Amino acid sequence: MVLDVLGGIAALLVGMGVFIACLALAKTLVRVRATLDEVDRQLAGIGAPVTSTLSRVDELTKSLEQTAGTVSRTVDLTRSAVVPGIVNVGAAIAGVTAGLRRLVTGKDSKDRGVG
């Protein structure tokens, strides 16, 4: 009989411990819920500005891509315009040099090696 009473008391104490633990868990979950509700309210307030900022960043990125493409095309056009001019200047300098050589030495550039 004593063992039955002690067993009942032990079961009652275990039950009370579980009940107290459940109460503490319930209080914690209520605080977590309140915190999450506050986070939801704050995030709802910044949603529109963030969306606006992201759309501006997207527009800026597209603009930068277009600018980079334009710069690339400009570089290609500049190179195709300048390179022939440089080649022509080099050819003109070579012609002037050959003409001066012939004027000064009286020899062709082909005759230089013959003495």
N, C-alpha and C. Protein backbone atom coordinates (compact mmCIF):
# COMPACT_ATOMS: atom_id res chain seq x y z
N MET A 1 0.80 -1.17 0.00
CA MET A 1 0.00 0.00 0.00
C MET A 1 0.87 1.26 0.00
N VAL A 2 1.94 1.24 0.75
CA VAL A 2 2.85 2.39 0.82
C VAL A 2 3.48 2.62 -0.55
N LEU A 3 3.83 1.53 -1.24
CA LEU A 3 4.43 1.66 -2.57
C LEU A 3 3.44 2.25 -3.55
N ASP A 4 2.18 1.89 -3.41
CA ASP A 4 1.16 2.46 -4.30
C ASP A 4 1.01 3.95 -4.07
N VAL A 5 1.07 4.36 -2.80
CA VAL A 5 0.94 5.78 -2.47
C VAL A 5 2.16 6.53 -2.99
N LEU A 6 3.35 5.97 -2.76
CA LEU A 6 4.58 6.61 -3.25
C LEU A 6 4.59 6.67 -4.77
N GLY A 7 4.11 5.65 -5.43
CA GLY A 7 4.02 5.65 -6.89
C GLY A 7 3.07 6.72 -7.38
N GLY A 8 1.94 6.87 -6.68
CA GLY A 8 0.96 7.90 -7.04
C GLY A 8 1.53 9.29 -6.85
N ILE A 9 2.23 9.48 -5.72
CA ILE A 9 2.84 10.79 -5.44
C ILE A 9 3.91 11.10 -6.49
N ALA A 10 4.72 10.11 -6.86
CA ALA A 10 5.75 10.30 -7.88
C ALA A 10 5.11 10.66 -9.21
N ALA A 11 4.04 9.99 -9.58
CA ALA A 11 3.35 10.29 -10.84
C ALA A 11 2.77 11.70 -10.79
N LEU A 12 2.23 12.08 -9.62
CA LEU A 12 1.68 13.41 -9.47
C LEU A 12 2.77 14.47 -9.61
N LEU A 13 3.95 14.23 -9.00
CA LEU A 13 5.06 15.17 -9.10
C LEU A 13 5.58 15.28 -10.53
N VAL A 14 5.66 14.14 -11.22
CA VAL A 14 6.09 14.16 -12.62
C VAL A 14 5.08 14.93 -13.46
N GLY A 15 3.83 14.69 -13.21
CA GLY A 15 2.78 15.42 -13.95
C GLY A 15 2.84 16.92 -13.69
N MET A 16 3.08 17.31 -12.43
CA MET A 16 3.20 18.73 -12.10
C MET A 16 4.44 19.34 -12.77
N GLY A 17 5.54 18.58 -12.84
CA GLY A 17 6.76 19.06 -13.51
C GLY A 17 6.51 19.29 -15.00
N VAL A 18 5.80 18.34 -15.60
CA VAL A 18 5.48 18.48 -17.03
C VAL A 18 4.55 19.68 -17.23
N PHE A 19 3.59 19.86 -16.33
CA PHE A 19 2.66 20.98 -16.42
C PHE A 19 3.41 22.32 -16.31
N ILE A 20 4.34 22.42 -15.37
CA ILE A 20 5.13 23.66 -15.20
C ILE A 20 6.01 23.90 -16.43
N ALA A 21 6.59 22.83 -16.96
CA ALA A 21 7.41 22.98 -18.17
C ALA A 21 6.56 23.45 -19.35
N CYS A 22 5.34 22.93 -19.46
CA CYS A 22 4.45 23.34 -20.54
C CYS A 22 4.03 24.80 -20.38
N LEU A 23 3.81 25.25 -19.14
CA LEU A 23 3.48 26.66 -18.90
C LEU A 23 4.64 27.57 -19.31
N ALA A 24 5.86 27.19 -18.96
CA ALA A 24 7.03 27.99 -19.34
C ALA A 24 7.18 28.02 -20.86
N LEU A 25 6.96 26.90 -21.52
CA LEU A 25 7.03 26.84 -22.97
C LEU A 25 5.95 27.71 -23.60
N ALA A 26 4.77 27.70 -23.03
CA ALA A 26 3.67 28.53 -23.55
C ALA A 26 4.01 30.01 -23.44
N LYS A 27 4.60 30.44 -22.31
CA LYS A 27 5.00 31.84 -22.16
C LYS A 27 6.07 32.21 -23.19
N THR A 28 7.01 31.32 -23.38
CA THR A 28 8.07 31.58 -24.37
C THR A 28 7.49 31.69 -25.78
N LEU A 29 6.57 30.80 -26.11
CA LEU A 29 5.97 30.83 -27.45
C LEU A 29 5.13 32.08 -27.66
N VAL A 30 4.49 32.58 -26.60
CA VAL A 30 3.72 33.83 -26.71
C VAL A 30 4.67 34.98 -27.01
N ARG A 31 5.82 35.03 -26.34
CA ARG A 31 6.80 36.09 -26.60
C ARG A 31 7.37 35.98 -28.02
N VAL A 32 7.64 34.76 -28.47
CA VAL A 32 8.14 34.56 -29.84
C VAL A 32 7.10 35.03 -30.85
N ARG A 33 5.84 34.73 -30.58
CA ARG A 33 4.78 35.15 -31.50
C ARG A 33 4.69 36.67 -31.56
N ALA A 34 4.79 37.33 -30.40
CA ALA A 34 4.75 38.80 -30.38
C ALA A 34 5.94 39.39 -31.13
N THR A 35 7.09 38.79 -30.97
CA THR A 35 8.29 39.26 -31.67
C THR A 35 8.14 39.09 -33.17
N LEU A 36 7.63 37.95 -33.59
CA LEU A 36 7.43 37.71 -35.02
C LEU A 36 6.38 38.64 -35.61
N ASP A 37 5.35 38.95 -34.84
CA ASP A 37 4.35 39.91 -35.31
C ASP A 37 4.98 41.28 -35.52
N GLU A 38 5.83 41.69 -34.60
CA GLU A 38 6.51 42.98 -34.73
C GLU A 38 7.45 42.99 -35.95
N VAL A 39 8.16 41.90 -36.15
CA VAL A 39 9.03 41.79 -37.32
C VAL A 39 8.21 41.87 -38.60
N ASP A 40 7.07 41.22 -38.64
CA ASP A 40 6.19 41.29 -39.81
C ASP A 40 5.75 42.73 -40.07
N ARG A 41 5.39 43.46 -39.02
CA ARG A 41 4.96 44.85 -39.19
C ARG A 41 6.11 45.70 -39.73
N GLN A 42 7.30 45.49 -39.21
CA GLN A 42 8.45 46.28 -39.67
C GLN A 42 8.80 45.95 -41.12
N LEU A 43 8.77 44.68 -41.46
CA LEU A 43 9.08 44.30 -42.84
C LEU A 43 8.03 44.81 -43.81
N ALA A 44 6.79 44.86 -43.39
CA ALA A 44 5.74 45.39 -44.26
C ALA A 44 5.99 46.87 -44.54
N GLY A 45 6.55 47.58 -43.59
CA GLY A 45 6.85 49.00 -43.77
C GLY A 45 8.00 49.27 -44.72
N ILE A 46 8.95 48.36 -44.81
CA ILE A 46 10.11 48.61 -45.68
C ILE A 46 9.98 47.93 -47.03
N GLY A 47 8.93 47.19 -47.24
CA GLY A 47 8.76 46.47 -48.50
C GLY A 47 8.73 47.39 -49.71
N ALA A 48 7.93 48.46 -49.64
CA ALA A 48 7.80 49.37 -50.78
C ALA A 48 9.11 50.12 -51.07
N PRO A 49 9.81 50.68 -50.07
CA PRO A 49 11.07 51.36 -50.38
C PRO A 49 12.13 50.40 -50.96
N VAL A 50 12.18 49.19 -50.43
CA VAL A 50 13.15 48.23 -50.95
C VAL A 50 12.83 47.88 -52.40
N THR A 51 11.57 47.67 -52.70
CA THR A 51 11.17 47.37 -54.07
C THR A 51 11.52 48.53 -55.00
N SER A 52 11.27 49.75 -54.56
CA SER A 52 11.59 50.93 -55.36
C SER A 52 13.10 51.03 -55.59
N THR A 53 13.88 50.80 -54.54
CA THR A 53 15.34 50.86 -54.67
C THR A 53 15.85 49.80 -55.62
N LEU A 54 15.32 48.60 -55.50
CA LEU A 54 15.76 47.51 -56.39
C LEU A 54 15.42 47.80 -57.84
N SER A 55 14.26 48.42 -58.09
CA SER A 55 13.91 48.75 -59.47
C SER A 55 14.84 49.83 -60.01
N ARG A 56 15.23 50.77 -59.16
CA ARG A 56 16.19 51.80 -59.59
C ARG A 56 17.55 51.18 -59.89
N VAL A 57 17.98 50.25 -59.05
CA VAL A 57 19.26 49.57 -59.30
C VAL A 57 19.19 48.80 -60.61
N ASP A 58 18.06 48.17 -60.89
CA ASP A 58 17.89 47.45 -62.14
C ASP A 58 17.99 48.39 -63.33
N GLU A 59 17.33 49.55 -63.24
CA GLU A 59 17.40 50.53 -64.32
C GLU A 59 18.83 51.04 -64.50
N LEU A 60 19.53 51.27 -63.40
CA LEU A 60 20.92 51.74 -63.47
C LEU A 60 21.80 50.69 -64.12
N THR A 61 21.59 49.44 -63.78
CA THR A 61 22.38 48.36 -64.37
C THR A 61 22.16 48.29 -65.88
N LYS A 62 20.92 48.41 -66.30
CA LYS A 62 20.63 48.40 -67.74
C LYS A 62 21.29 49.58 -68.43
N SER A 63 21.25 50.74 -67.79
CA SER A 63 21.88 51.93 -68.37
C SER A 63 23.38 51.74 -68.49
N LEU A 64 23.99 51.16 -67.46
CA LEU A 64 25.44 50.91 -67.51
C LEU A 64 25.79 49.91 -68.60
N GLU A 65 24.95 48.90 -68.80
CA GLU A 65 25.19 47.94 -69.87
C GLU A 65 25.13 48.62 -71.23
N GLN A 66 24.15 49.49 -71.42
CA GLN A 66 24.04 50.22 -72.68
C GLN A 66 25.24 51.14 -72.89
N THR A 67 25.67 51.80 -71.82
CA THR A 67 26.83 52.69 -71.92
C THR A 67 28.08 51.91 -72.27
N ALA A 68 28.26 50.76 -71.64
CA ALA A 68 29.44 49.93 -71.94
C ALA A 68 29.42 49.48 -73.40
N GLY A 69 28.25 49.13 -73.91
CA GLY A 69 28.14 48.74 -75.32
C GLY A 69 28.46 49.90 -76.23
N THR A 70 27.98 51.10 -75.89
CA THR A 70 28.27 52.28 -76.70
C THR A 70 29.76 52.60 -76.69
N VAL A 71 30.39 52.53 -75.53
CA VAL A 71 31.83 52.79 -75.42
C VAL A 71 32.60 51.77 -76.25
N SER A 72 32.19 50.52 -76.19
CA SER A 72 32.87 49.48 -76.97
C SER A 72 32.77 49.76 -78.46
N ARG A 73 31.58 50.13 -78.92
CA ARG A 73 31.41 50.46 -80.34
C ARG A 73 32.23 51.69 -80.72
N THR A 74 32.29 52.69 -79.82
CA THR A 74 33.08 53.89 -80.08
C THR A 74 34.55 53.56 -80.20
N VAL A 75 35.04 52.69 -79.34
CA VAL A 75 36.45 52.28 -79.41
C VAL A 75 36.72 51.56 -80.73
N ASP A 76 35.82 50.69 -81.14
CA ASP A 76 36.00 49.99 -82.42
C ASP A 76 36.02 50.97 -83.58
N LEU A 77 35.10 51.93 -83.58
CA LEU A 77 35.07 52.92 -84.66
C LEU A 77 36.31 53.80 -84.65
N THR A 78 36.74 54.20 -83.47
CA THR A 78 37.95 55.02 -83.37
C THR A 78 39.16 54.26 -83.88
N ARG A 79 39.27 53.00 -83.49
CA ARG A 79 40.40 52.19 -83.95
C ARG A 79 40.36 52.04 -85.47
N SER A 80 39.18 51.78 -86.02
CA SER A 80 39.11 51.61 -87.47
C SER A 80 39.36 52.92 -88.20
N ALA A 81 39.15 54.06 -87.55
CA ALA A 81 39.43 55.35 -88.18
C ALA A 81 40.88 55.76 -88.02
N VAL A 82 41.51 55.43 -86.90
CA VAL A 82 42.86 55.90 -86.61
C VAL A 82 43.93 55.00 -87.23
N VAL A 83 43.73 53.71 -87.23
CA VAL A 83 44.76 52.78 -87.71
C VAL A 83 45.13 53.05 -89.17
N PRO A 84 44.18 53.21 -90.09
CA PRO A 84 44.58 53.52 -91.47
C PRO A 84 45.36 54.83 -91.58
N GLY A 85 45.01 55.82 -90.76
CA GLY A 85 45.74 57.08 -90.77
C GLY A 85 47.18 56.89 -90.33
N ILE A 86 47.37 56.08 -89.29
CA ILE A 86 48.74 55.81 -88.82
C ILE A 86 49.53 55.06 -89.88
N VAL A 87 48.89 54.12 -90.54
CA VAL A 87 49.57 53.38 -91.62
C VAL A 87 49.95 54.34 -92.75
N ASN A 88 49.03 55.26 -93.09
CA ASN A 88 49.32 56.23 -94.15
C ASN A 88 50.46 57.15 -93.76
N VAL A 89 50.49 57.59 -92.50
CA VAL A 89 51.59 58.45 -92.03
C VAL A 89 52.91 57.68 -92.11
N GLY A 90 52.89 56.42 -91.69
CA GLY A 90 54.11 55.61 -91.79
C GLY A 90 54.58 55.45 -93.22
N ALA A 91 53.64 55.22 -94.12
CA ALA A 91 54.00 55.08 -95.54
C ALA A 91 54.55 56.39 -96.08
N ALA A 92 53.94 57.51 -95.69
CA ALA A 92 54.43 58.82 -96.15
C ALA A 92 55.83 59.08 -95.63
N ILE A 93 56.08 58.76 -94.37
CA ILE A 93 57.43 58.94 -93.81
C ILE A 93 58.43 58.06 -94.54
N ALA A 94 58.06 56.84 -94.84
CA ALA A 94 58.96 55.95 -95.58
C ALA A 94 59.24 56.52 -96.96
N GLY A 95 58.22 57.07 -97.62
CA GLY A 95 58.42 57.66 -98.94
C GLY A 95 59.32 58.88 -98.89
N VAL A 96 59.10 59.75 -97.89
CA VAL A 96 59.94 60.94 -97.75
C VAL A 96 61.38 60.53 -97.46
N THR A 97 61.56 59.54 -96.60
CA THR A 97 62.90 59.06 -96.28
C THR A 97 63.59 58.53 -97.53
N ALA A 98 62.90 57.74 -98.32
CA ALA A 98 63.49 57.20 -99.55
C ALA A 98 63.82 58.33 -100.52
N GLY A 99 62.92 59.32 -100.61
CA GLY A 99 63.19 60.44 -101.51
C GLY A 99 64.39 61.26 -101.06
N LEU A 100 64.50 61.52 -99.75
CA LEU A 100 65.65 62.25 -99.23
C LEU A 100 66.94 61.46 -99.43
N ARG A 101 66.88 60.18 -99.22
CA ARG A 101 68.06 59.34 -99.40
C ARG A 101 68.54 59.42 -100.85
N ARG A 102 67.60 59.35 -101.77
CA ARG A 102 67.96 59.40 -103.19
C ARG A 102 68.49 60.77 -103.55
N LEU A 103 67.90 61.80 -102.98
CA LEU A 103 68.35 63.16 -103.25
C LEU A 103 69.76 63.39 -102.71
N VAL A 104 70.01 62.90 -101.51
CA VAL A 104 71.32 63.13 -100.88
C VAL A 104 72.38 62.21 -101.46
N THR A 105 72.11 60.95 -101.61
CA THR A 105 73.13 60.00 -102.05
C THR A 105 73.11 59.77 -103.54
N GLY A 106 72.02 60.05 -104.15
CA GLY A 106 71.91 59.80 -105.57
C GLY A 106 71.66 58.34 -105.88
N LYS A 107 71.37 57.56 -104.88
CA LYS A 107 71.14 56.12 -105.07
C LYS A 107 69.73 55.76 -104.66
N ASP A 108 69.22 54.71 -105.28
CA ASP A 108 67.95 54.13 -104.90
C ASP A 108 68.14 53.34 -103.62
N SER A 109 67.05 53.05 -102.93
CA SER A 109 67.14 52.21 -101.73
C SER A 109 67.59 50.81 -102.11
N LYS A 110 67.35 50.39 -103.40
CA LYS A 110 67.78 49.08 -103.87
C LYS A 110 69.27 49.06 -104.12
N ASP A 111 69.83 50.21 -104.42
CA ASP A 111 71.25 50.29 -104.76
C ASP A 111 72.13 50.50 -103.53
N ARG A 112 71.59 50.61 -102.38
CA ARG A 112 72.36 50.88 -101.16
C ARG A 112 73.41 49.82 -100.90
N GLY A 113 73.10 48.60 -101.12
CA GLY A 113 74.02 47.52 -100.79
C GLY A 113 75.17 47.43 -101.77
N VAL A 114 75.04 47.98 -102.96
CA VAL A 114 76.10 47.90 -103.97
C VAL A 114 77.00 49.10 -103.80
N GLY A 115 78.34 48.88 -103.76
CA GLY A 115 79.22 49.94 -103.41
C GLY A 115 79.92 50.59 -104.45
